[in-house]
PDB file of N, CA and C in Angstrom:
ATOM      1  N   MET A   1     -72.306 -31.223-122.368  1.00  0.00           N
ATOM      2  CA  MET A   1     -71.308 -31.400-121.321  1.00  0.00           C
ATOM      3  C   MET A   1     -72.002 -31.971-120.085  1.00  0.00           C
ATOM      4  N   GLU A   2     -71.413 -32.978-119.498  1.00  0.00           N
ATOM      5  CA  GLU A   2     -72.008 -33.628-118.346  1.00  0.00           C
ATOM      6  C   GLU A   2     -71.603 -32.925-117.051  1.00  0.00           C
ATOM      7  N   PRO A   3     -72.544 -32.802-116.096  1.00  0.00           N
ATOM      8  CA  PRO A   3     -72.183 -32.187-114.820  1.00  0.00           C
ATOM      9  C   PRO A   3     -71.273 -33.119-114.026  1.00  0.00           C
ATOM     10  N   ARG A   4     -70.400 -32.543-113.291  1.00  0.00           N
ATOM     11  CA  ARG A   4     -69.471 -33.332-112.476  1.00  0.00           C
ATOM     12  C   ARG A   4     -70.130 -33.639-111.135  1.00  0.00           C
ATOM     13  N   ASP A   5     -70.047 -34.902-110.722  1.00  0.00           N
ATOM     14  CA  ASP A   5     -70.664 -35.307-109.462  1.00  0.00           C
ATOM     15  C   ASP A   5     -69.867 -34.858-108.244  1.00  0.00           C
ATOM     16  N   HIS A   6     -68.543 -34.754-108.386  1.00  0.00           N
ATOM     17  CA  HIS A   6     -67.705 -34.426-107.242  1.00  0.00           C
ATOM     18  C   HIS A   6     -67.613 -32.925-106.986  1.00  0.00           C
ATOM     19  N   GLU A   7     -68.144 -32.111-107.891  1.00  0.00           N
ATOM     20  CA  GLU A   7     -68.041 -30.661-107.748  1.00  0.00           C
ATOM     21  C   GLU A   7     -69.130 -30.164-106.798  1.00  0.00           C
ATOM     22  N   PRO A   8     -68.759 -29.453-105.738  1.00  0.00           N
ATOM     23  CA  PRO A   8     -69.761 -29.002-104.777  1.00  0.00           C
ATOM     24  C   PRO A   8     -70.616 -27.877-105.347  1.00  0.00           C
ATOM     25  N   GLY A   9     -71.844 -27.771-104.842  1.00  0.00           N
ATOM     26  CA  GLY A   9     -72.732 -26.716-105.290  1.00  0.00           C
ATOM     27  C   GLY A   9     -72.294 -25.357-104.790  1.00  0.00           C
ATOM     28  N   ASN A  10     -71.829 -25.308-103.563  1.00  0.00           N
ATOM     29  CA  ASN A  10     -71.395 -24.051-102.969  1.00  0.00           C
ATOM     30  C   ASN A  10     -69.900 -24.133-102.679  1.00  0.00           C
ATOM     31  N   LEU A  11     -69.120 -23.281-103.302  1.00  0.00           N
ATOM     32  CA  LEU A  11     -67.665 -23.319-103.113  1.00  0.00           C
ATOM     33  C   LEU A  11     -67.241 -22.815-101.744  1.00  0.00           C
ATOM     34  N   VAL A  12     -67.999 -21.885-101.182  1.00  0.00           N
ATOM     35  CA  VAL A  12     -67.620 -21.269 -99.909  1.00  0.00           C
ATOM     36  C   VAL A  12     -68.495 -21.840 -98.802  1.00  0.00           C
ATOM     37  N   GLU A  13     -67.865 -22.601 -97.924  1.00  0.00           N
ATOM     38  CA  GLU A  13     -68.573 -23.197 -96.790  1.00  0.00           C
ATOM     39  C   GLU A  13     -67.919 -22.718 -95.507  1.00  0.00           C
ATOM     40  N   LYS A  14     -68.756 -22.546 -94.483  1.00  0.00           N
ATOM     41  CA  LYS A  14     -68.245 -22.080 -93.194  1.00  0.00           C
ATOM     42  C   LYS A  14     -68.545 -23.097 -92.108  1.00  0.00           C
ATOM     43  N   ASN A  15     -67.675 -23.122 -91.111  1.00  0.00           N
ATOM     44  CA  ASN A  15     -67.894 -23.927 -89.921  1.00  0.00           C
ATOM     45  C   ASN A  15     -68.934 -23.236 -89.049  1.00  0.00           C
ATOM     46  N   PRO A  16     -69.480 -23.950 -88.061  1.00  0.00           N
ATOM     47  CA  PRO A  16     -70.461 -23.318 -87.167  1.00  0.00           C
ATOM     48  C   PRO A  16     -69.910 -22.093 -86.420  1.00  0.00           C
ATOM     49  N   ASP A  17     -68.597 -22.046 -86.192  1.00  0.00           N
ATOM     50  CA  ASP A  17     -68.014 -20.900 -85.483  1.00  0.00           C
ATOM     51  C   ASP A  17     -67.745 -19.707 -86.406  1.00  0.00           C
ATOM     52  N   GLY A  18     -68.087 -19.829 -87.701  1.00  0.00           N
ATOM     53  CA  GLY A  18     -67.937 -18.720 -88.630  1.00  0.00           C
ATOM     54  C   GLY A  18     -66.666 -18.732 -89.449  1.00  0.00           C
ATOM     55  N   THR A  19     -65.744 -19.643 -89.154  1.00  0.00           N
ATOM     56  CA  THR A  19     -64.516 -19.739 -89.936  1.00  0.00           C
ATOM     57  C   THR A  19     -64.791 -20.567 -91.189  1.00  0.00           C
ATOM     58  N   PHE A  20     -63.921 -20.442 -92.164  1.00  0.00           N
ATOM     59  CA  PHE A  20     -64.086 -21.198 -93.400  1.00  0.00           C
ATOM     60  C   PHE A  20     -63.613 -22.636 -93.194  1.00  0.00           C
ATOM     61  N   THR A  21     -64.269 -23.565 -93.875  1.00  0.00           N
ATOM     62  CA  THR A  21     -63.883 -24.971 -93.746  1.00  0.00           C
ATOM     63  C   THR A  21     -62.531 -25.206 -94.414  1.00  0.00           C
ATOM     64  N   LYS A  22     -61.890 -26.281 -94.016  1.00  0.00           N
ATOM     65  CA  LYS A  22     -60.597 -26.636 -94.585  1.00  0.00           C
ATOM     66  C   LYS A  22     -60.733 -26.898 -96.084  1.00  0.00           C
ATOM     67  N   GLU A  23     -61.842 -27.518 -96.487  1.00  0.00           N
ATOM     68  CA  GLU A  23     -62.072 -27.818 -97.901  1.00  0.00           C
ATOM     69  C   GLU A  23     -62.193 -26.537 -98.727  1.00  0.00           C
ATOM     70  N   THR A  24     -62.861 -25.522 -98.180  1.00  0.00           N
ATOM     71  CA  THR A  24     -63.004 -24.243 -98.878  1.00  0.00           C
ATOM     72  C   THR A  24     -61.638 -23.604 -99.088  1.00  0.00           C
ATOM     73  N   LEU A  25     -60.825 -23.585 -98.054  1.00  0.00           N
ATOM     74  CA  LEU A  25     -59.494 -22.986 -98.149  1.00  0.00           C
ATOM     75  C   LEU A  25     -58.600 -23.770 -99.115  1.00  0.00           C
ATOM     76  N   THR A  26     -58.738 -25.092 -99.103  1.00  0.00           N
ATOM     77  CA  THR A  26     -57.953 -25.928-100.004  1.00  0.00           C
ATOM     78  C   THR A  26     -58.343 -25.674-101.459  1.00  0.00           C
ATOM     79  N   ARG A  27     -59.654 -25.598-101.728  1.00  0.00           N
ATOM     80  CA  ARG A  27     -60.119 -25.320-103.092  1.00  0.00           C
ATOM     81  C   ARG A  27     -59.675 -23.941-103.552  1.00  0.00           C
ATOM     82  N   ALA A  28     -59.691 -22.962-102.656  1.00  0.00           N
ATOM     83  CA  ALA A  28     -59.266 -21.606-103.009  1.00  0.00           C
ATOM     84  C   ALA A  28     -57.778 -21.590-103.357  1.00  0.00           C
ATOM     85  N   MET A  29     -56.963 -22.287-102.583  1.00  0.00           N
ATOM     86  CA  MET A  29     -55.526 -22.354-102.880  1.00  0.00           C
ATOM     87  C   MET A  29     -55.277 -23.048-104.212  1.00  0.00           C
ATOM     88  N   LYS A  30     -56.015 -24.112-104.474  1.00  0.00           N
ATOM     89  CA  LYS A  30     -55.852 -24.833-105.732  1.00  0.00           C
ATOM     90  C   LYS A  30     -56.219 -23.937-106.913  1.00  0.00           C
ATOM     91  N   ALA A  31     -57.303 -23.176-106.779  1.00  0.00           N
ATOM     92  CA  ALA A  31     -57.720 -22.257-107.850  1.00  0.00           C
ATOM     93  C   ALA A  31     -56.679 -21.162-108.063  1.00  0.00           C
ATOM     94  N   LEU A  32     -56.109 -20.646-106.971  1.00  0.00           N
ATOM     95  CA  LEU A  32     -55.091 -19.604-107.082  1.00  0.00           C
ATOM     96  C   LEU A  32     -53.834 -20.142-107.766  1.00  0.00           C
ATOM     97  N   LYS A  33     -53.382 -21.328-107.367  1.00  0.00           N
ATOM     98  CA  LYS A  33     -52.184 -21.917-107.967  1.00  0.00           C
ATOM     99  C   LYS A  33     -52.393 -22.204-109.451  1.00  0.00           C
ATOM    100  N   LYS A  34     -53.598 -22.640-109.822  1.00  0.00           N
ATOM    101  CA  LYS A  34     -53.884 -22.905-111.223  1.00  0.00           C
ATOM    102  C   LYS A  34     -53.870 -21.608-112.029  1.00  0.00           C
ATOM    103  N   ARG A  35     -54.468 -20.555-111.481  1.00  0.00           N
ATOM    104  CA  ARG A  35     -54.461 -19.262-112.183  1.00  0.00           C
ATOM    105  C   ARG A  35     -53.040 -18.739-112.337  1.00  0.00           C
ATOM    106  N   LEU A  36     -52.225 -18.873-111.288  1.00  0.00           N
ATOM    107  CA  LEU A  36     -50.836 -18.420-111.350  1.00  0.00           C
ATOM    108  C   LEU A  36     -50.059 -19.212-112.398  1.00  0.00           C
ATOM    109  N   LYS A  37     -50.259 -20.518-112.435  1.00  0.00           N
ATOM    110  CA  LYS A  37     -49.572 -21.371-113.402  1.00  0.00           C
ATOM    111  C   LYS A  37     -49.957 -20.990-114.833  1.00  0.00           C
ATOM    112  N   LEU A  38     -51.248 -20.798-115.084  1.00  0.00           N
ATOM    113  CA  LEU A  38     -51.700 -20.444-116.430  1.00  0.00           C
ATOM    114  C   LEU A  38     -51.210 -19.060-116.840  1.00  0.00           C
ATOM    115  N   THR A  39     -51.163 -18.127-115.894  1.00  0.00           N
ATOM    116  CA  THR A  39     -50.669 -16.788-116.196  1.00  0.00           C
ATOM    117  C   THR A  39     -49.193 -16.831-116.541  1.00  0.00           C
ATOM    118  N   ARG A  40     -48.419 -17.636-115.805  1.00  0.00           N
ATOM    119  CA  ARG A  40     -46.992 -17.777-116.110  1.00  0.00           C
ATOM    120  C   ARG A  40     -46.775 -18.425-117.472  1.00  0.00           C
ATOM    121  N   LEU A  41     -47.547 -19.473-117.768  1.00  0.00           N
ATOM    122  CA  LEU A  41     -47.412 -20.142-119.059  1.00  0.00           C
ATOM    123  C   LEU A  41     -47.753 -19.195-120.201  1.00  0.00           C
ATOM    124  N   ASP A  42     -48.776 -18.380-120.012  1.00  0.00           N
ATOM    125  CA  ASP A  42     -49.152 -17.412-121.032  1.00  0.00           C
ATOM    126  C   ASP A  42     -48.035 -16.396-121.246  1.00  0.00           C
ATOM    127  N   ASP A  43     -47.420 -15.952-120.169  1.00  0.00           N
ATOM    128  CA  ASP A  43     -46.324 -14.992-120.272  1.00  0.00           C
ATOM    129  C   ASP A  43     -45.113 -15.607-120.962  1.00  0.00           C
ATOM    130  N   GLU A  44     -44.797 -16.849-120.643  1.00  0.00           N
ATOM    131  CA  GLU A  44     -43.629 -17.511-121.225  1.00  0.00           C
ATOM    132  C   GLU A  44     -43.832 -17.879-122.682  1.00  0.00           C
ATOM    133  N   SER A  45     -45.071 -17.977-123.129  1.00  0.00           N
ATOM    134  CA  SER A  45     -45.320 -18.387-124.507  1.00  0.00           C
ATOM    135  C   SER A  45     -45.246 -17.231-125.497  1.00  0.00           C
ATOM    136  N   ARG A  46     -45.103 -16.021-125.015  1.00  0.00           N
ATOM    137  CA  ARG A  46     -45.031 -14.886-125.940  1.00  0.00           C
ATOM    138  C   ARG A  46     -43.671 -14.865-126.640  1.00  0.00           C
ATOM    139  N   LEU A  47     -43.574 -14.099-127.688  1.00  0.00           N
ATOM    140  CA  LEU A  47     -42.326 -14.014-128.450  1.00  0.00           C
ATOM    141  C   LEU A  47     -41.193 -13.485-127.578  1.00  0.00           C
ATOM    142  N   GLY A  48     -40.026 -14.010-127.779  1.00  0.00           N
ATOM    143  CA  GLY A  48     -38.862 -13.555-127.036  1.00  0.00           C
ATOM    144  C   GLY A  48     -38.537 -14.427-125.841  1.00  0.00           C
ATOM    145  N   HIS A  49     -39.350 -15.450-125.593  1.00  0.00           N
ATOM    146  CA  HIS A  49     -39.091 -16.350-124.473  1.00  0.00           C
ATOM    147  C   HIS A  49     -38.824 -17.780-124.944  1.00  0.00           C
ATOM    148  N   ASP A  50     -38.310 -17.951-126.138  1.00  0.00           N
ATOM    149  CA  ASP A  50     -38.075 -19.301-126.620  1.00  0.00           C
ATOM    150  C   ASP A  50     -36.611 -19.704-126.392  1.00  0.00           C
ATOM    151  N   ALA A  51     -36.330 -20.947-126.700  1.00  0.00           N
ATOM    152  CA  ALA A  51     -34.996 -21.488-126.434  1.00  0.00           C
ATOM    153  C   ALA A  51     -33.915 -20.862-127.312  1.00  0.00           C
ATOM    154  N   MET A  52     -34.298 -20.365-128.472  1.00  0.00           N
ATOM    155  CA  MET A  52     -33.305 -19.789-129.369  1.00  0.00           C
ATOM    156  C   MET A  52     -32.939 -18.356-128.991  1.00  0.00           C
ATOM    157  N   SER A  53     -33.749 -17.728-128.215  1.00  0.00           N
ATOM    158  CA  SER A  53     -33.416 -16.381-127.751  1.00  0.00           C
ATOM    159  C   SER A  53     -32.944 -16.477-126.304  1.00  0.00           C
ATOM    160  N   LYS A  54     -33.282 -15.524-125.530  1.00  0.00           N
ATOM    161  CA  LYS A  54     -32.841 -15.493-124.138  1.00  0.00           C
ATOM    162  C   LYS A  54     -33.392 -16.680-123.347  1.00  0.00           C
ATOM    163  N   GLY A  55     -34.627 -17.087-123.666  1.00  0.00           N
ATOM    164  CA  GLY A  55     -35.204 -18.246-122.997  1.00  0.00           C
ATOM    165  C   GLY A  55     -35.505 -18.019-121.534  1.00  0.00           C
ATOM    166  N   SER A  56     -35.794 -16.789-121.163  1.00  0.00           N
ATOM    167  CA  SER A  56     -36.026 -16.491-119.749  1.00  0.00           C
ATOM    168  C   SER A  56     -37.371 -17.019-119.280  1.00  0.00           C
ATOM    169  N   ARG A  57     -37.457 -17.215-118.011  1.00  0.00           N
ATOM    170  CA  ARG A  57     -38.689 -17.681-117.390  1.00  0.00           C
ATOM    171  C   ARG A  57     -39.537 -16.483-117.003  1.00  0.00           C
ATOM    172  N   SER A  58     -40.780 -16.743-116.732  1.00  0.00           N
ATOM    173  CA  SER A  58     -41.706 -15.679-116.356  1.00  0.00           C
ATOM    174  C   SER A  58     -41.338 -15.120-114.983  1.00  0.00           C
ATOM    175  N   GLY A  59     -41.490 -13.833-114.831  1.00  0.00           N
ATOM    176  CA  GLY A  59     -41.216 -13.185-113.557  1.00  0.00           C
ATOM    177  C   GLY A  59     -42.474 -12.927-112.752  1.00  0.00           C
ATOM    178  N   ILE A  60     -43.597 -13.512-113.174  1.00  0.00           N
ATOM    179  CA  ILE A  60     -44.876 -13.294-112.491  1.00  0.00           C
ATOM    180  C   ILE A  60     -44.897 -14.089-111.190  1.00  0.00           C
ATOM    181  N   VAL A  61     -45.147 -13.402-110.078  1.00  0.00           N
ATOM    182  CA  VAL A  61     -45.202 -14.064-108.774  1.00  0.00           C
ATOM    183  C   VAL A  61     -46.551 -13.894-108.091  1.00  0.00           C
ATOM    184  N   ALA A  62     -47.388 -12.979-108.591  1.00  0.00           N
ATOM    185  CA  ALA A  62     -48.688 -12.737-107.970  1.00  0.00           C
ATOM    186  C   ALA A  62     -49.726 -12.486-109.060  1.00  0.00           C
ATOM    187  N   VAL A  63     -50.974 -12.855-108.760  1.00  0.00           N
ATOM    188  CA  VAL A  63     -52.075 -12.680-109.699  1.00  0.00           C
ATOM    189  C   VAL A  63     -53.299 -12.163-108.951  1.00  0.00           C
ATOM    190  N   LYS A  64     -54.286 -11.714-109.716  1.00  0.00           N
ATOM    191  CA  LYS A  64     -55.562 -11.320-109.127  1.00  0.00           C
ATOM    192  C   LYS A  64     -56.260 -12.584-108.637  1.00  0.00           C
ATOM    193  N   ALA A  65     -56.800 -12.548-107.455  1.00  0.00           N
ATOM    194  CA  ALA A  65     -57.438 -13.723-106.867  1.00  0.00           C
ATOM    195  C   ALA A  65     -58.670 -14.134-107.666  1.00  0.00           C
ATOM    196  N   PRO A  66     -58.924 -15.443-107.796  1.00  0.00           N
ATOM    197  CA  PRO A  66     -60.119 -15.909-108.492  1.00  0.00           C
ATOM    198  C   PRO A  66     -61.387 -15.321-107.856  1.00  0.00           C
ATOM    199  N   SER A  67     -62.284 -14.838-108.697  1.00  0.00           N
ATOM    200  CA  SER A  67     -63.447 -14.097-108.204  1.00  0.00           C
ATOM    201  C   SER A  67     -64.537 -14.980-107.607  1.00  0.00           C
ATOM    202  N   GLN A  68     -64.470 -16.297-107.773  1.00  0.00           N
ATOM    203  CA  GLN A  68     -65.509 -17.146-107.195  1.00  0.00           C
ATOM    204  C   GLN A  68     -65.372 -17.275-105.680  1.00  0.00           C
ATOM    205  N   TYR A  69     -64.267 -16.773-105.127  1.00  0.00           N
ATOM    206  CA  TYR A  69     -64.076 -16.768-103.684  1.00  0.00           C
ATOM    207  C   TYR A  69     -64.053 -15.328-103.191  1.00  0.00           C
ATOM    208  N   PRO A  70     -64.758 -15.040-102.098  1.00  0.00           N
ATOM    209  CA  PRO A  70     -64.778 -13.659-101.594  1.00  0.00           C
ATOM    210  C   PRO A  70     -63.452 -13.263-100.954  1.00  0.00           C
ATOM    211  N   LEU A  71     -63.280 -11.981-100.759  1.00  0.00           N
ATOM    212  CA  LEU A  71     -62.058 -11.434-100.173  1.00  0.00           C
ATOM    213  C   LEU A  71     -61.775 -12.042 -98.794  1.00  0.00           C
ATOM    214  N   GLU A  72     -62.817 -12.368 -98.054  1.00  0.00           N
ATOM    215  CA  GLU A  72     -62.637 -12.928 -96.705  1.00  0.00           C
ATOM    216  C   GLU A  72     -61.873 -14.255 -96.737  1.00  0.00           C
ATOM    217  N   VAL A  73     -62.069 -15.044 -97.796  1.00  0.00           N
ATOM    218  CA  VAL A  73     -61.335 -16.315 -97.922  1.00  0.00           C
ATOM    219  C   VAL A  73     -59.845 -16.037 -98.068  1.00  0.00           C
ATOM    220  N   TRP A  74     -59.497 -15.062 -98.903  1.00  0.00           N
ATOM    221  CA  TRP A  74     -58.089 -14.735 -99.117  1.00  0.00           C
ATOM    222  C   TRP A  74     -57.477 -14.123 -97.863  1.00  0.00           C
ATOM    223  N   GLN A  75     -58.254 -13.348 -97.123  1.00  0.00           N
ATOM    224  CA  GLN A  75     -57.754 -12.784 -95.873  1.00  0.00           C
ATOM    225  C   GLN A  75     -57.518 -13.881 -94.839  1.00  0.00           C
ATOM    226  N   ALA A  76     -58.399 -14.892 -94.814  1.00  0.00           N
ATOM    227  CA  ALA A  76     -58.206 -16.023 -93.894  1.00  0.00           C
ATOM    228  C   ALA A  76     -56.934 -16.793 -94.254  1.00  0.00           C
ATOM    229  N   LEU A  77     -56.695 -16.979 -95.550  1.00  0.00           N
ATOM    230  CA  LEU A  77     -55.463 -17.658 -95.970  1.00  0.00           C
ATOM    231  C   LEU A  77     -54.229 -16.826 -95.660  1.00  0.00           C
ATOM    232  N   GLU A  78     -54.366 -15.506 -95.738  1.00  0.00           N
ATOM    233  CA  GLU A  78     -53.241 -14.629 -95.386  1.00  0.00           C
ATOM    234  C   GLU A  78     -52.939 -14.721 -93.891  1.00  0.00           C
ATOM    235  N   GLN A  79     -53.965 -14.804 -93.065  1.00  0.00           N
ATOM    236  CA  GLN A  79     -53.754 -14.936 -91.623  1.00  0.00           C
ATOM    237  C   GLN A  79     -53.077 -16.251 -91.280  1.00  0.00           C
ATOM    238  N   LYS A  80     -53.343 -17.283 -92.071  1.00  0.00           N
ATOM    239  CA  LYS A  80     -52.702 -18.581 -91.853  1.00  0.00           C
ATOM    240  C   LYS A  80     -51.289 -18.625 -92.422  1.00  0.00           C
ATOM    241  N   GLY A  81     -50.880 -17.587 -93.156  1.00  0.00           N
ATOM    242  CA  GLY A  81     -49.537 -17.536 -93.707  1.00  0.00           C
ATOM    243  C   GLY A  81     -49.378 -18.276 -95.022  1.00  0.00           C
ATOM    244  N   ARG A  82     -50.479 -18.597 -95.698  1.00  0.00           N
ATOM    245  CA  ARG A  82     -50.412 -19.345 -96.966  1.00  0.00           C
ATOM    246  C   ARG A  82     -50.249 -18.434 -98.170  1.00  0.00           C
ATOM    247  N   VAL A  83     -50.785 -17.188 -98.079  1.00  0.00           N
ATOM    248  CA  VAL A  83     -50.688 -16.235 -99.182  1.00  0.00           C
ATOM    249  C   VAL A  83     -50.300 -14.873 -98.632  1.00  0.00           C
ATOM    250  N   ARG A  84     -49.895 -14.006 -99.550  1.00  0.00           N
ATOM    251  CA  ARG A  84     -49.573 -12.622 -99.208  1.00  0.00           C
ATOM    252  C   ARG A  84     -50.372 -11.739-100.162  1.00  0.00           C
ATOM    253  N   ILE A  85     -51.099 -10.753 -99.626  1.00  0.00           N
ATOM    254  CA  ILE A  85     -51.893  -9.849-100.441  1.00  0.00           C
ATOM    255  C   ILE A  85     -51.216  -8.486-100.423  1.00  0.00           C
ATOM    256  N   ASP A  86     -50.926  -7.945-101.626  1.00  0.00           N
ATOM    257  CA  ASP A  86     -50.287  -6.633-101.671  1.00  0.00           C
ATOM    258  C   ASP A  86     -51.343  -5.526-101.730  1.00  0.00           C
ATOM    259  N   GLN A  87     -50.894  -4.284-101.751  1.00  0.00           N
ATOM    260  CA  GLN A  87     -51.801  -3.136-101.689  1.00  0.00           C
ATOM    261  C   GLN A  87     -52.703  -3.035-102.901  1.00  0.00           C
ATOM    262  N   SER A  88     -52.270  -3.542-104.039  1.00  0.00           N
ATOM    263  CA  SER A  88     -53.083  -3.450-105.249  1.00  0.00           C
ATOM    264  C   SER A  88     -54.066  -4.617-105.381  1.00  0.00           C
ATOM    265  N   GLY A  89     -54.065  -5.538-104.425  1.00  0.00           N
ATOM    266  CA  GLY A  89     -55.010  -6.645-104.437  1.00  0.00           C
ATOM    267  C   GLY A  89     -54.496  -7.911-105.086  1.00  0.00           C
ATOM    268  N   LEU A  90     -53.224  -7.926-105.501  1.00  0.00           N
ATOM    269  CA  LEU A  90     -52.656  -9.135-106.072  1.00  0.00           C
ATOM    270  C   LEU A  90     -52.292 -10.111-104.959  1.00  0.00           C
ATOM    271  N   VAL A  91     -52.488 -11.394-105.237  1.00  0.00           N
ATOM    272  CA  VAL A  91     -52.247 -12.432-104.233  1.00  0.00           C
ATOM    273  C   VAL A  91     -51.052 -13.274-104.663  1.00  0.00           C
ATOM    274  N   GLU A  92     -50.135 -13.479-103.726  1.00  0.00           N
ATOM    275  CA  GLU A  92     -48.923 -14.256-103.977  1.00  0.00           C
ATOM    276  C   GLU A  92     -48.928 -15.477-103.060  1.00  0.00           C
ATOM    277  N   VAL A  93     -48.584 -16.628-103.600  1.00  0.00           N
ATOM    278  CA  VAL A  93     -48.503 -17.856-102.808  1.00  0.00           C
ATOM    279  C   VAL A  93     -47.205 -17.826-102.011  1.00  0.00           C
ATOM    280  N   VAL A  94     -47.294 -18.081-100.710  1.00  0.00           N
ATOM    281  CA  VAL A  94     -46.120 -18.132 -99.843  1.00  0.00           C
ATOM    282  C   VAL A  94     -45.671 -19.587 -99.775  1.00  0.00           C
ATOM    283  N   GLU A  95     -44.420 -19.834-100.138  1.00  0.00           N
ATOM    284  CA  GLU A  95     -43.889 -21.187-100.108  1.00  0.00           C
ATOM    285  C   GLU A  95     -43.809 -21.674 -98.662  1.00  0.00           C
ATOM    286  N   GLN A  96     -44.336 -22.867 -98.440  1.00  0.00           N
ATOM    287  CA  GLN A  96     -44.331 -23.446 -97.102  1.00  0.00           C
ATOM    288  C   GLN A  96     -43.070 -24.294 -96.918  1.00  0.00           C
ATOM    289  N   PRO A  97     -42.441 -24.199 -95.749  1.00  0.00           N
ATOM    290  CA  PRO A  97     -41.264 -25.037 -95.526  1.00  0.00           C
ATOM    291  C   PRO A  97     -41.681 -26.513 -95.480  1.00  0.00           C
ATOM    292  N   SER A  98     -40.908 -27.359 -96.146  1.00  0.00           N
ATOM    293  CA  SER A  98     -41.237 -28.781 -96.159  1.00  0.00           C
ATOM    294  C   SER A  98     -40.690 -29.457 -94.915  1.00  0.00           C
ATOM    295  N   ASN A  99     -41.378 -30.501 -94.521  1.00  0.00           N
ATOM    296  CA  ASN A  99     -40.939 -31.254 -93.345  1.00  0.00           C
ATOM    297  C   ASN A  99     -39.830 -32.212 -93.755  1.00  0.00           C
ATOM    298  N   PRO A 100     -38.702 -32.180 -93.037  1.00  0.00           N
ATOM    299  CA  PRO A 100     -37.596 -33.089 -93.395  1.00  0.00           C
ATOM    300  C   PRO A 100     -37.866 -34.516 -93.047  1.00  0.00           C
TER     301      PRO A 100
END
Protein backbone atom coordinates (compact mmCIF):
# COMPACT_ATOMS: atom_id res chain seq x y z
CA MET A 1 0.00 0.00 0.00
CA GLU A 2 1.39 3.38 -0.96
CA PRO A 3 1.52 6.24 1.56
CA ARG A 4 -0.69 9.18 0.78
CA ASP A 5 1.13 12.45 0.15
CA HIS A 6 -1.76 14.69 1.17
CA GLU A 7 -2.29 13.02 4.55
CA PRO A 8 -0.74 15.06 7.37
CA GLY A 9 1.61 13.46 9.86
CA ASN A 10 -0.08 15.02 12.85
CA LEU A 11 -3.88 15.19 12.81
CA VAL A 12 -4.12 17.59 15.76
CA GLU A 13 -2.54 20.98 15.16
CA LYS A 14 -2.82 24.07 17.32
CA ASN A 15 -2.51 27.77 16.62
CA PRO A 16 0.07 29.81 18.55
CA ASP A 17 -2.70 31.00 20.90
CA GLY A 18 -3.49 27.39 21.88
CA THR A 19 -6.70 26.95 19.89
CA PHE A 20 -7.07 24.20 17.32
CA THR A 21 -6.48 25.06 13.68
CA LYS A 22 -9.39 25.24 11.27
CA GLU A 23 -7.95 22.27 9.35
CA THR A 24 -7.89 20.13 12.51
CA LEU A 25 -11.52 20.93 13.28
CA THR A 26 -12.53 20.30 9.67
CA ARG A 27 -10.79 16.90 9.61
CA ALA A 28 -12.42 15.97 12.93
CA MET A 29 -15.89 16.85 11.60
CA LYS A 30 -15.26 14.88 8.43
CA ALA A 31 -14.16 11.83 10.46
CA LEU A 32 -17.23 12.12 12.70
CA LYS A 33 -19.63 12.40 9.74
CA LYS A 34 -18.01 9.40 8.06
CA ARG A 35 -18.31 7.30 11.23
CA LEU A 36 -21.96 8.34 11.63
CA LYS A 37 -22.71 7.49 7.99
CA LEU A 38 -21.07 4.05 8.24
CA THR A 39 -22.85 3.31 11.52
CA ARG A 40 -26.21 4.21 9.97
CA LEU A 41 -25.52 2.10 6.89
CA ASP A 42 -24.56 -0.84 9.08
CA ASP A 43 -27.78 -0.46 11.07
CA GLU A 44 -29.93 -0.20 7.94
CA SER A 45 -28.35 -3.27 6.35
CA ARG A 46 -29.50 -5.64 9.08
CA LEU A 47 -32.52 -7.89 8.58
CA GLY A 48 -35.88 -6.20 8.84
CA HIS A 49 -34.85 -2.97 7.13
CA ASP A 50 -35.37 -3.95 3.51
CA ALA A 51 -37.88 -2.66 0.99
CA MET A 52 -40.12 -5.70 1.30
CA SER A 53 -40.62 -5.24 5.01
CA LYS A 54 -41.09 -2.02 6.91
CA GLY A 55 -38.11 -0.45 5.16
CA SER A 56 -37.44 1.96 8.00
CA ARG A 57 -34.41 4.16 8.15
CA SER A 58 -31.82 4.09 10.89
CA GLY A 59 -32.62 6.04 14.03
CA ILE A 60 -28.95 6.55 14.94
CA VAL A 61 -28.18 10.24 15.50
CA ALA A 62 -25.01 10.10 17.62
CA VAL A 63 -21.86 7.97 17.72
CA LYS A 64 -18.72 7.59 19.79
CA ALA A 65 -16.20 10.19 18.64
CA PRO A 66 -13.24 8.94 16.56
CA SER A 67 -10.37 8.19 18.94
CA GLN A 68 -7.63 9.77 16.81
CA TYR A 69 -8.84 13.17 18.06
CA PRO A 70 -8.66 14.09 21.75
CA LEU A 71 -11.68 15.13 23.79
CA GLU A 72 -10.53 18.77 23.65
CA VAL A 73 -11.16 18.84 19.87
CA TRP A 74 -14.75 17.70 20.36
CA GLN A 75 -15.25 20.21 23.18
CA ALA A 76 -13.95 22.99 20.90
CA LEU A 77 -16.43 21.93 18.21
CA GLU A 78 -19.20 21.87 20.82
CA GLN A 79 -18.34 25.43 21.86
CA LYS A 80 -18.60 26.48 18.21
CA GLY A 81 -22.05 24.87 18.01
CA ARG A 82 -21.06 22.23 15.41
CA VAL A 83 -21.63 19.15 17.62
CA ARG A 84 -23.50 18.18 20.76
CA ILE A 85 -21.94 15.84 23.35
CA ASP A 86 -24.29 13.93 25.64
CA GLN A 87 -23.57 12.63 29.15
CA SER A 88 -22.53 9.19 27.92
CA GLY A 89 -19.90 10.66 25.57
CA LEU A 90 -21.78 10.22 22.30
CA VAL A 91 -21.33 13.01 19.77
CA GLU A 92 -24.15 14.29 17.57
CA VAL A 93 -23.69 16.55 14.54
CA VAL A 94 -25.72 19.76 14.82
CA GLU A 95 -27.25 20.76 11.50
CA GLN A 96 -26.10 24.22 10.47
CA PRO A 97 -28.62 26.63 8.96
CA SER A 98 -27.89 27.18 5.28
CA ASN A 99 -27.43 30.63 3.86
CA PRO A 100 -30.29 31.62 1.54
